[in-house]
Amino acid sequence: MSLFGDGLEKAVQKAFTRPAPKNAGPQMRYLVKQLGGTKAVAQMLRISQRTVERYVKDQIKKPRADLAARLEREVKARWQPQIRAKARAKAASTGGIVIDTRARMGYTAPIGSTDQDRIRHLTVALPPVYAARLFDAQEAGASDAELQEIAAEGLKEVYFQDGGRRAGSLEEVRFTDIEHLEFDL
């Protein structure tokens, strides 16, 4: 995925009430149950149907590193969909989303202001409207650049303009060279 997409997924995964299966056998059984058969799982993971059956029966216990990564990613993507939906809905309606980032930020403003880009470490609570926009864009398959633009708009409103109390003539916020990015609900 991407920096922003992965960050949003990790934030939602923090809301899980139970941990996802860790071993290959339980992960494979979970996927077989979710997709309705070993053939669909085999096609999704790009392995043979017989290999899936052997994992389900615990005849194979340790997958290759690349298969283990795909397996874990697919299980986490499907794990507790109702909890995931509730966490997103709560963030989009009442809770908002917290963004913790260390990145180069600057802005476009009238002449005479100190608009030079510099590295800033910010932890900012974005209002629910930005959480909703981020999750909606992610579901629609938005690129990392589009998600970054939405986050920059949120930072502009909350951090730079303080909800309209200052820097009213600020035109655009530049949010680049991201060193660290983490979201929390």
Foldseek 3Di string as FASTA:
>chain_A
DDDLLVQVLVQLLVQDPDDFDQWQQSLLVVVCVVVVHLVVVCVQLVHDSVVSVCSPVVVDTDDDPVSSVSSVVVRSVPPPPVSSVVVLVCCLPPNAKWKWWWFWKFFDFDPPDPGDTDTDTDTDGFHNNLSNVLVVCVVVPHDPVVSVQSVQVRCCCCPVCVNVVDPVRIDGMDTDDIPDIHMHD
